[in-house]
Amino acid sequence: MNRTLDWPAQQIEQACACDLPGFRFEAMAQVDSSNSELMRRARNGQTQAVLLVAERQSAGRGRLGRQWSSDLAFSLGLPLSPLDWSGLSLAVGLSIVQCLHPDLRLKWPNDVWWQGRKLAGILIETASFGNSRYVVIGVGINIRPLDGSGLATPPACLQELLPDLDIPQALLKIAPALLQTIKTFERSGFAPFQAAFHRRDALRNVQVMLSNGTVGIAQGVDPSGALLLGTANGMISVTSAEVSVRPLDASSGKPS
């Protein structure tokens, strides 16, 4: 299957090479999952820095194994050695919203929201090879309107905010800044991003329920990116990758 979109490969490579020499861009017409493809390559010893965009994914994945489909799906793979991995998905999400639109918000730990609807998701996976570690950062963004049939909350799309933005242009806006963000994270962790995250935090001061049934008021995140939750038993820090967070409807007290 031939690719159908005109990707700005040279512009992206030139913009990213300053931060990561040897970086390359690749587009595939179809793949099961761009994350899965880069993880397979890494296990076969291909651990170069690459941004892989998939025009179509047959098995796109989100967090906790959930299915996720979007019309801009890409994965950034590169060797990475931060002192602390905590908060990486938050830094990635922050970079994306800052590149795209001031009205976009972040839902801890890995979603981009607009007006209470999901617009983008992030999936981060790593593989270890001796003393080195390879990270694959997958991003799926809804650019064009999607069919929300059967969904309790229809997904948002970027063209609701930026009607003239097409898929290749969106990637060109995101990729160079995202790479800079990741390199800053590698040097300094999440702490430099904490204040900016709070300004985009969709859950701050909102009553939420964790997947384990805990209810509380979201109070932002700490310098490591852990969710701070004010509960009847005091403040707790939520870090588990197996915990999901849902806002509660103020009138019913049920997840919205």
C-alpha atoms as a PDB file:
ATOM      1  CA  MET A   1       0.000   0.000   0.000  1.00  0.00           C
ATOM      2  CA  ASN A   2       1.425   3.384  -1.021  1.00  0.00           C
ATOM      3  CA  ARG A   3       1.533   6.362   1.276  1.00  0.00           C
ATOM      4  CA  THR A   4      -1.099   8.992   0.515  1.00  0.00           C
ATOM      5  CA  LEU A   5       0.116  12.029   2.474  1.00  0.00           C
ATOM      6  CA  ASP A   6       2.986  14.368   1.671  1.00  0.00           C
ATOM      7  CA  TRP A   7       5.061  14.322   4.842  1.00  0.00           C
ATOM      8  CA  PRO A   8       7.600  17.112   5.543  1.00  0.00           C
ATOM      9  CA  ALA A   9      10.362  14.573   6.146  1.00  0.00           C
ATOM     10  CA  GLN A  10      13.320  16.816   5.337  1.00  0.00           C
ATOM     11  CA  GLN A  11      12.015  19.704   7.441  1.00  0.00           C
ATOM     12  CA  ILE A  12      11.450  17.441  10.434  1.00  0.00           C
ATOM     13  CA  GLU A  13      14.852  15.768  10.117  1.00  0.00           C
ATOM     14  CA  GLN A  14      16.651  19.098   9.815  1.00  0.00           C
ATOM     15  CA  ALA A  15      14.788  20.599  12.777  1.00  0.00           C
ATOM     16  CA  CYS A  16      15.454  17.586  15.016  1.00  0.00           C
ATOM     17  CA  ALA A  17      19.039  16.801  14.008  1.00  0.00           C
ATOM     18  CA  CYS A  18      20.369  19.713  16.072  1.00  0.00           C
ATOM     19  CA  ASP A  19      19.187  18.030  19.272  1.00  0.00           C
ATOM     20  CA  LEU A  20      19.845  14.472  18.154  1.00  0.00           C
ATOM     21  CA  PRO A  21      22.458  13.846  15.430  1.00  0.00           C
ATOM     22  CA  GLY A  22      21.556  10.879  13.254  1.00  0.00           C
ATOM     23  CA  PHE A  23      17.834  11.316  13.811  1.00  0.00           C
ATOM     24  CA  ARG A  24      15.677  10.170  10.900  1.00  0.00           C
ATOM     25  CA  PHE A  25      12.030  10.339   9.848  1.00  0.00           C
ATOM     26  CA  GLU A  26      10.072   7.447   8.368  1.00  0.00           C
ATOM     27  CA  ALA A  27       6.460   7.101   7.205  1.00  0.00           C
ATOM     28  CA  MET A  28       4.604   3.833   6.647  1.00  0.00           C
ATOM     29  CA  ALA A  29       1.332   3.420   4.808  1.00  0.00           C
ATOM     30  CA  GLN A  30       0.125   0.710   7.183  1.00  0.00           C
ATOM     31  CA  VAL A  31       1.360  -1.089  10.287  1.00  0.00           C
ATOM     32  CA  ASP A  32      -0.245  -2.853  13.211  1.00  0.00           C
ATOM     33  CA  SER A  33       1.059  -0.240  15.655  1.00  0.00           C
ATOM     34  CA  SER A  34       3.870   2.259  15.290  1.00  0.00           C
ATOM     35  CA  ASN A  35       4.881   1.554  18.893  1.00  0.00           C
ATOM     36  CA  SER A  36       4.914  -2.192  18.278  1.00  0.00           C
ATOM     37  CA  GLU A  37       6.983  -1.739  15.129  1.00  0.00           C
ATOM     38  CA  LEU A  38       9.679   0.265  16.898  1.00  0.00           C
ATOM     39  CA  MET A  39       9.736  -2.125  19.844  1.00  0.00           C
ATOM     40  CA  ARG A  40      10.259  -5.045  17.432  1.00  0.00           C
ATOM     41  CA  ARG A  41      13.109  -3.203  15.796  1.00  0.00           C
ATOM     42  CA  ALA A  42      14.683  -2.397  19.155  1.00  0.00           C
ATOM     43  CA  ARG A  43      14.601  -6.058  20.173  1.00  0.00           C
ATOM     44  CA  ASN A  44      16.443  -6.793  16.915  1.00  0.00           C
ATOM     45  CA  GLY A  45      19.154  -4.296  17.780  1.00  0.00           C
ATOM     46  CA  GLN A  46      17.840  -1.280  15.855  1.00  0.00           C
ATOM     47  CA  THR A  47      18.014   1.411  18.517  1.00  0.00           C
ATOM     48  CA  GLN A  48      18.660   4.498  16.424  1.00  0.00           C
ATOM     49  CA  ALA A  49      16.641   7.648  16.998  1.00  0.00           C
ATOM     50  CA  VAL A  50      13.659   7.626  14.650  1.00  0.00           C
ATOM     51  CA  LEU A  51      10.239   9.166  14.299  1.00  0.00           C
ATOM     52  CA  LEU A  52       7.886   6.675  12.654  1.00  0.00           C
ATOM     53  CA  VAL A  53       4.508   7.898  11.446  1.00  0.00           C
ATOM     54  CA  ALA A  54       1.784   5.438  10.428  1.00  0.00           C
ATOM     55  CA  GLU A  55      -0.920   6.513   8.031  1.00  0.00           C
ATOM     56  CA  ARG A  56      -3.029   3.569   9.136  1.00  0.00           C
ATOM     57  CA  GLN A  57      -2.783   1.330  12.193  1.00  0.00           C
ATOM     58  CA  SER A  58      -4.635  -1.984  12.317  1.00  0.00           C
ATOM     59  CA  ALA A  59      -4.003  -2.485  16.039  1.00  0.00           C
ATOM     60  CA  GLY A  60      -3.387   0.907  17.594  1.00  0.00           C
ATOM     61  CA  ARG A  61      -2.971   0.701  21.361  1.00  0.00           C
ATOM     62  CA  GLY A  62      -3.528   3.015  24.277  1.00  0.00           C
ATOM     63  CA  ARG A  63      -2.726   2.852  27.964  1.00  0.00           C
ATOM     64  CA  LEU A  64      -3.644  -0.338  29.880  1.00  0.00           C
ATOM     65  CA  GLY A  65      -4.005  -2.202  26.571  1.00  0.00           C
ATOM     66  CA  ARG A  66      -7.041  -0.230  25.430  1.00  0.00           C
ATOM     67  CA  GLN A  67      -7.675   0.158  21.702  1.00  0.00           C
ATOM     68  CA  TRP A  68      -6.984   3.658  20.386  1.00  0.00           C
ATOM     69  CA  SER A  69      -7.378   4.930  16.848  1.00  0.00           C
ATOM     70  CA  SER A  70      -6.501   8.379  15.506  1.00  0.00           C
ATOM     71  CA  ASP A  71      -5.680   9.965  12.159  1.00  0.00           C
ATOM     72  CA  LEU A  72      -2.232  11.164  13.243  1.00  0.00           C
ATOM     73  CA  ALA A  73      -0.341   8.296  14.849  1.00  0.00           C
ATOM     74  CA  PHE A  74       3.391   8.415  15.352  1.00  0.00           C
ATOM     75  CA  SER A  75       6.063   6.975  17.614  1.00  0.00           C
ATOM     76  CA  LEU A  76       9.367   8.492  18.580  1.00  0.00           C
ATOM     77  CA  GLY A  77      12.040   5.955  19.499  1.00  0.00           C
ATOM     78  CA  LEU A  78      15.432   6.812  20.960  1.00  0.00           C
ATOM     79  CA  PRO A  79      17.957   5.759  23.609  1.00  0.00           C
ATOM     80  CA  LEU A  80      17.244   7.664  26.830  1.00  0.00           C
ATOM     81  CA  SER A  81      18.947   7.771  30.220  1.00  0.00           C
ATOM     82  CA  PRO A  82      17.083  10.049  32.652  1.00  0.00           C
ATOM     83  CA  LEU A  83      17.845   9.820  36.361  1.00  0.00           C
ATOM     84  CA  ASP A  84      14.113   9.362  37.003  1.00  0.00           C
ATOM     85  CA  TRP A  85      11.503   8.263  34.462  1.00  0.00           C
ATOM     86  CA  SER A  86       8.583   9.579  36.516  1.00  0.00           C
ATOM     87  CA  GLY A  87       6.487  12.199  34.746  1.00  0.00           C
ATOM     88  CA  LEU A  88       7.698  11.568  31.203  1.00  0.00           C
ATOM     89  CA  SER A  89       4.170  11.190  29.792  1.00  0.00           C
ATOM     90  CA  LEU A  90       3.184  14.501  31.438  1.00  0.00           C
ATOM     91  CA  ALA A  91       6.147  16.315  29.886  1.00  0.00           C
ATOM     92  CA  VAL A  92       5.298  14.820  26.476  1.00  0.00           C
ATOM     93  CA  GLY A  93       1.657  15.898  26.772  1.00  0.00           C
ATOM     94  CA  LEU A  94       2.663  19.380  27.843  1.00  0.00           C
ATOM     95  CA  SER A  95       4.946  19.756  24.833  1.00  0.00           C
ATOM     96  CA  ILE A  96       2.113  18.742  22.507  1.00  0.00           C
ATOM     97  CA  VAL A  97      -0.488  21.159  23.873  1.00  0.00           C
ATOM     98  CA  GLN A  98       1.978  24.038  23.999  1.00  0.00           C
ATOM     99  CA  CYS A  99       2.733  23.499  20.306  1.00  0.00           C
ATOM    100  CA  LEU A 100      -0.877  23.284  19.213  1.00  0.00           C
ATOM    101  CA  HIS A 101      -3.348  25.562  21.020  1.00  0.00           C
ATOM    102  CA  PRO A 102      -3.684  27.499  24.312  1.00  0.00           C
ATOM    103  CA  ASP A 103      -7.140  26.030  25.015  1.00  0.00           C
ATOM    104  CA  LEU A 104      -5.961  22.414  25.146  1.00  0.00           C
ATOM    105  CA  ARG A 105      -5.749  20.774  28.567  1.00  0.00           C
ATOM    106  CA  LEU A 106      -4.001  17.736  30.055  1.00  0.00           C
ATOM    107  CA  LYS A 107      -5.668  14.892  31.918  1.00  0.00           C
ATOM    108  CA  TRP A 108      -3.263  13.000  34.163  1.00  0.00           C
ATOM    109  CA  PRO A 109      -1.417  10.870  33.236  1.00  0.00           C
ATOM    110  CA  ASN A 110      -1.473  10.700  29.440  1.00  0.00           C
ATOM    111  CA  ASP A 111      -4.411  12.358  27.661  1.00  0.00           C
ATOM    112  CA  VAL A 112      -4.981  15.672  25.899  1.00  0.00           C
ATOM    113  CA  TRP A 113      -8.466  17.101  26.359  1.00  0.00           C
ATOM    114  CA  TRP A 114     -10.547  19.866  24.887  1.00  0.00           C
ATOM    115  CA  GLN A 115     -13.833  20.831  26.566  1.00  0.00           C
ATOM    116  CA  GLY A 116     -13.902  17.585  28.526  1.00  0.00           C
ATOM    117  CA  ARG A 117     -13.345  15.351  25.488  1.00  0.00           C
ATOM    118  CA  LYS A 118     -10.263  13.340  24.576  1.00  0.00           C
ATOM    119  CA  LEU A 119      -8.280  14.732  21.658  1.00  0.00           C
ATOM    120  CA  ALA A 120      -4.994  12.838  21.981  1.00  0.00           C
ATOM    121  CA  GLY A 121      -3.370  10.021  23.921  1.00  0.00           C
ATOM    122  CA  ILE A 122       0.192   9.034  24.800  1.00  0.00           C
ATOM    123  CA  LEU A 123       1.671   5.564  25.262  1.00  0.00           C
ATOM    124  CA  ILE A 124       5.242   5.138  26.505  1.00  0.00           C
ATOM    125  CA  GLU A 125       7.095   1.825  26.414  1.00  0.00           C
ATOM    126  CA  THR A 126      10.718   0.955  27.142  1.00  0.00           C
ATOM    127  CA  ALA A 127      13.113  -1.889  26.496  1.00  0.00           C
ATOM    128  CA  SER A 128      16.431  -2.528  28.273  1.00  0.00           C
ATOM    129  CA  PHE A 129      19.592  -3.700  26.519  1.00  0.00           C
ATOM    130  CA  GLY A 130      22.451  -4.260  28.923  1.00  0.00           C
ATOM    131  CA  ASN A 131      23.157  -0.918  30.540  1.00  0.00           C
ATOM    132  CA  SER A 132      21.134   1.071  28.011  1.00  0.00           C
ATOM    133  CA  ARG A 133      17.425   1.685  27.679  1.00  0.00           C
ATOM    134  CA  TYR A 134      15.376   2.451  24.578  1.00  0.00           C
ATOM    135  CA  VAL A 135      12.123   4.384  24.874  1.00  0.00           C
ATOM    136  CA  VAL A 136       9.248   4.463  22.404  1.00  0.00           C
ATOM    137  CA  ILE A 137       6.853   7.385  22.833  1.00  0.00           C
ATOM    138  CA  GLY A 138       3.635   6.830  20.938  1.00  0.00           C
ATOM    139  CA  VAL A 139       1.212   9.676  20.252  1.00  0.00           C
ATOM    140  CA  GLY A 140      -2.233   9.501  18.672  1.00  0.00           C
ATOM    141  CA  ILE A 141      -4.015  12.765  17.835  1.00  0.00           C
ATOM    142  CA  ASN A 142      -7.472  13.311  16.361  1.00  0.00           C
ATOM    143  CA  ILE A 143      -6.996  15.915  13.642  1.00  0.00           C
ATOM    144  CA  ARG A 144     -10.240  15.569  11.682  1.00  0.00           C
ATOM    145  CA  PRO A 145     -13.771  14.976  13.022  1.00  0.00           C
ATOM    146  CA  LEU A 146     -14.396  11.341  14.035  1.00  0.00           C
ATOM    147  CA  ASP A 147     -17.539   9.266  14.284  1.00  0.00           C
ATOM    148  CA  GLY A 148     -18.519   9.202  17.958  1.00  0.00           C
ATOM    149  CA  SER A 149     -21.337   6.664  17.554  1.00  0.00           C
ATOM    150  CA  GLY A 150     -21.595   4.337  20.515  1.00  0.00           C
ATOM    151  CA  LEU A 151     -19.367   6.478  22.722  1.00  0.00           C
ATOM    152  CA  ALA A 152     -20.665   8.138  25.880  1.00  0.00           C
ATOM    153  CA  THR A 153     -18.460  11.155  25.111  1.00  0.00           C
ATOM    154  CA  PRO A 154     -17.602  11.820  21.463  1.00  0.00           C
ATOM    155  CA  PRO A 155     -13.884  12.501  20.854  1.00  0.00           C
ATOM    156  CA  ALA A 156     -12.614  15.985  20.132  1.00  0.00           C
ATOM    157  CA  CYS A 157     -10.509  16.847  17.109  1.00  0.00           C
ATOM    158  CA  LEU A 158      -7.919  19.512  16.441  1.00  0.00           C
ATOM    159  CA  GLN A 159      -9.736  20.943  13.425  1.00  0.00           C
ATOM    160  CA  GLU A 160     -12.461  22.153  15.791  1.00  0.00           C
ATOM    161  CA  LEU A 161      -9.832  24.606  17.024  1.00  0.00           C
ATOM    162  CA  LEU A 162      -7.617  24.924  13.944  1.00  0.00           C
ATOM    163  CA  PRO A 163      -9.830  24.258  10.889  1.00  0.00           C
ATOM    164  CA  ASP A 164      -7.059  24.722   8.317  1.00  0.00           C
ATOM    165  CA  LEU A 165      -4.471  22.474   9.986  1.00  0.00           C
ATOM    166  CA  ASP A 166      -3.830  19.219   8.136  1.00  0.00           C
ATOM    167  CA  ILE A 167      -2.131  16.058   9.430  1.00  0.00           C
ATOM    168  CA  PRO A 168       1.430  16.656   8.094  1.00  0.00           C
ATOM    169  CA  GLN A 169       1.376  20.272   9.307  1.00  0.00           C
ATOM    170  CA  ALA A 170       0.355  19.144  12.789  1.00  0.00           C
ATOM    171  CA  LEU A 171       3.283  16.731  12.958  1.00  0.00           C
ATOM    172  CA  LEU A 172       5.717  19.430  11.815  1.00  0.00           C
ATOM    173  CA  LYS A 173       4.480  21.718  14.609  1.00  0.00           C
ATOM    174  CA  ILE A 174       4.920  18.997  17.239  1.00  0.00           C
ATOM    175  CA  ALA A 175       8.047  16.992  16.435  1.00  0.00           C
ATOM    176  CA  PRO A 176      10.968  19.438  16.932  1.00  0.00           C
ATOM    177  CA  ALA A 177       9.648  20.818  20.240  1.00  0.00           C
ATOM    178  CA  LEU A 178       8.843  17.323  21.476  1.00  0.00           C
ATOM    179  CA  LEU A 179      12.421  16.199  20.973  1.00  0.00           C
ATOM    180  CA  GLN A 180      13.704  19.263  22.853  1.00  0.00           C
ATOM    181  CA  THR A 181      11.302  18.480  25.702  1.00  0.00           C
ATOM    182  CA  ILE A 182      12.546  14.894  25.937  1.00  0.00           C
ATOM    183  CA  LYS A 183      16.176  16.000  26.063  1.00  0.00           C
ATOM    184  CA  THR A 184      15.345  18.502  28.818  1.00  0.00           C
ATOM    185  CA  PHE A 185      13.535  15.749  30.696  1.00  0.00           C
ATOM    186  CA  GLU A 186      16.555  13.485  30.348  1.00  0.00           C
ATOM    187  CA  ARG A 187      18.768  16.124  31.980  1.00  0.00           C
ATOM    188  CA  SER A 188      16.404  17.496  34.637  1.00  0.00           C
ATOM    189  CA  GLY A 189      13.380  15.215  35.066  1.00  0.00           C
ATOM    190  CA  PHE A 190       9.811  16.464  35.364  1.00  0.00           C
ATOM    191  CA  ALA A 191      10.365  19.247  37.913  1.00  0.00           C
ATOM    192  CA  PRO A 192      11.041  22.006  35.303  1.00  0.00           C
ATOM    193  CA  PHE A 193       7.652  21.246  33.717  1.00  0.00           C
ATOM    194  CA  GLN A 194       5.554  21.146  36.900  1.00  0.00           C
ATOM    195  CA  ALA A 195       4.358  24.768  36.934  1.00  0.00           C
ATOM    196  CA  ALA A 196       3.452  24.746  33.227  1.00  0.00           C
ATOM    197  CA  PHE A 197       1.585  21.465  33.686  1.00  0.00           C
ATOM    198  CA  HIS A 198      -0.521  23.007  36.454  1.00  0.00           C
ATOM    199  CA  ARG A 199      -1.628  25.767  34.082  1.00  0.00           C
ATOM    200  CA  ARG A 200      -2.948  23.128  31.668  1.00  0.00           C
ATOM    201  CA  ASP A 201      -4.221  20.618  34.243  1.00  0.00           C
ATOM    202  CA  ALA A 202      -7.799  19.578  33.372  1.00  0.00           C
ATOM    203  CA  LEU A 203      -8.312  17.806  36.709  1.00  0.00           C
ATOM    204  CA  ARG A 204      -6.966  20.344  39.189  1.00  0.00           C
ATOM    205  CA  ASN A 205      -9.554  21.097  41.908  1.00  0.00           C
ATOM    206  CA  VAL A 206     -11.933  18.571  40.332  1.00  0.00           C
ATOM    207  CA  GLN A 207     -13.464  15.674  42.256  1.00  0.00           C
ATOM    208  CA  VAL A 208     -12.255  12.425  40.710  1.00  0.00           C
ATOM    209  CA  MET A 209     -12.501   8.698  41.255  1.00  0.00           C
ATOM    210  CA  LEU A 210      -9.603   6.284  40.839  1.00  0.00           C
ATOM    211  CA  SER A 211     -10.165   2.875  39.294  1.00  0.00           C
ATOM    212  CA  ASN A 212      -9.652   1.371  42.768  1.00  0.00           C
ATOM    213  CA  GLY A 213     -12.645   3.337  44.072  1.00  0.00           C
ATOM    214  CA  THR A 214     -10.761   6.085  45.913  1.00  0.00           C
ATOM    215  CA  VAL A 215     -12.495   9.468  45.646  1.00  0.00           C
ATOM    216  CA  GLY A 216     -10.858  12.832  46.223  1.00  0.00           C
ATOM    217  CA  ILE A 217     -10.083  16.292  44.900  1.00  0.00           C
ATOM    218  CA  ALA A 218      -7.206  16.449  42.414  1.00  0.00           C
ATOM    219  CA  GLN A 219      -4.634  18.969  43.658  1.00  0.00           C
ATOM    220  CA  GLY A 220      -2.169  18.996  40.803  1.00  0.00           C
ATOM    221  CA  VAL A 221       1.050  17.004  40.616  1.00  0.00           C
ATOM    222  CA  ASP A 222       4.259  16.907  42.632  1.00  0.00           C
ATOM    223  CA  PRO A 223       7.766  17.496  41.179  1.00  0.00           C
ATOM    224  CA  SER A 224       7.935  13.835  40.094  1.00  0.00           C
ATOM    225  CA  GLY A 225       4.602  14.010  38.244  1.00  0.00           C
ATOM    226  CA  ALA A 226       2.608  11.995  40.808  1.00  0.00           C
ATOM    227  CA  LEU A 227      -1.043  13.008  41.106  1.00  0.00           C
ATOM    228  CA  LEU A 228      -1.850  14.698  44.418  1.00  0.00           C
ATOM    229  CA  LEU A 229      -5.272  13.672  45.638  1.00  0.00           C
ATOM    230  CA  GLY A 230      -6.992  15.207  48.646  1.00  0.00           C
ATOM    231  CA  THR A 231      -9.128  12.506  50.266  1.00  0.00           C
ATOM    232  CA  ALA A 232     -11.150  12.141  53.465  1.00  0.00           C
ATOM    233  CA  ASN A 233      -8.053  10.497  54.951  1.00  0.00           C
ATOM    234  CA  GLY A 234      -5.632  13.208  53.858  1.00  0.00           C
ATOM    235  CA  MET A 235      -3.448  13.899  50.841  1.00  0.00           C
ATOM    236  CA  ILE A 236      -2.157  10.926  48.875  1.00  0.00           C
ATOM    237  CA  SER A 237       0.228  10.642  45.931  1.00  0.00           C
ATOM    238  CA  VAL A 238      -0.916   8.480  43.030  1.00  0.00           C
ATOM    239  CA  THR A 239       1.795   7.006  40.833  1.00  0.00           C
ATOM    240  CA  SER A 240       0.625   3.536  39.793  1.00  0.00           C
ATOM    241  CA  ALA A 241       0.494   2.929  36.062  1.00  0.00           C
ATOM    242  CA  GLU A 242      -2.463   0.630  36.730  1.00  0.00           C
ATOM    243  CA  VAL A 243      -4.686   3.381  38.170  1.00  0.00           C
ATOM    244  CA  SER A 244      -7.013   5.350  35.932  1.00  0.00           C
ATOM    245  CA  VAL A 245      -8.699   8.602  36.904  1.00  0.00           C
ATOM    246  CA  ARG A 246     -12.189   9.785  35.997  1.00  0.00           C
ATOM    247  CA  PRO A 247     -13.840  13.094  36.919  1.00  0.00           C
ATOM    248  CA  LEU A 248     -17.042  12.761  38.925  1.00  0.00           C
ATOM    249  CA  ASP A 249     -20.256  14.430  37.832  1.00  0.00           C
ATOM    250  CA  ALA A 250     -20.986  17.062  40.460  1.00  0.00           C
ATOM    251  CA  SER A 251     -24.722  16.362  40.534  1.00  0.00           C
ATOM    252  CA  SER A 252     -24.720  12.562  40.557  1.00  0.00           C
ATOM    253  CA  GLY A 253     -21.379  11.727  42.181  1.00  0.00           C
ATOM    254  CA  LYS A 254     -20.766   9.198  39.407  1.00  0.00           C
ATOM    255  CA  PRO A 255     -17.919   9.079  36.851  1.00  0.00           C
ATOM    256  CA  SER A 256     -18.659  11.366  33.930  1.00  0.00           C
END
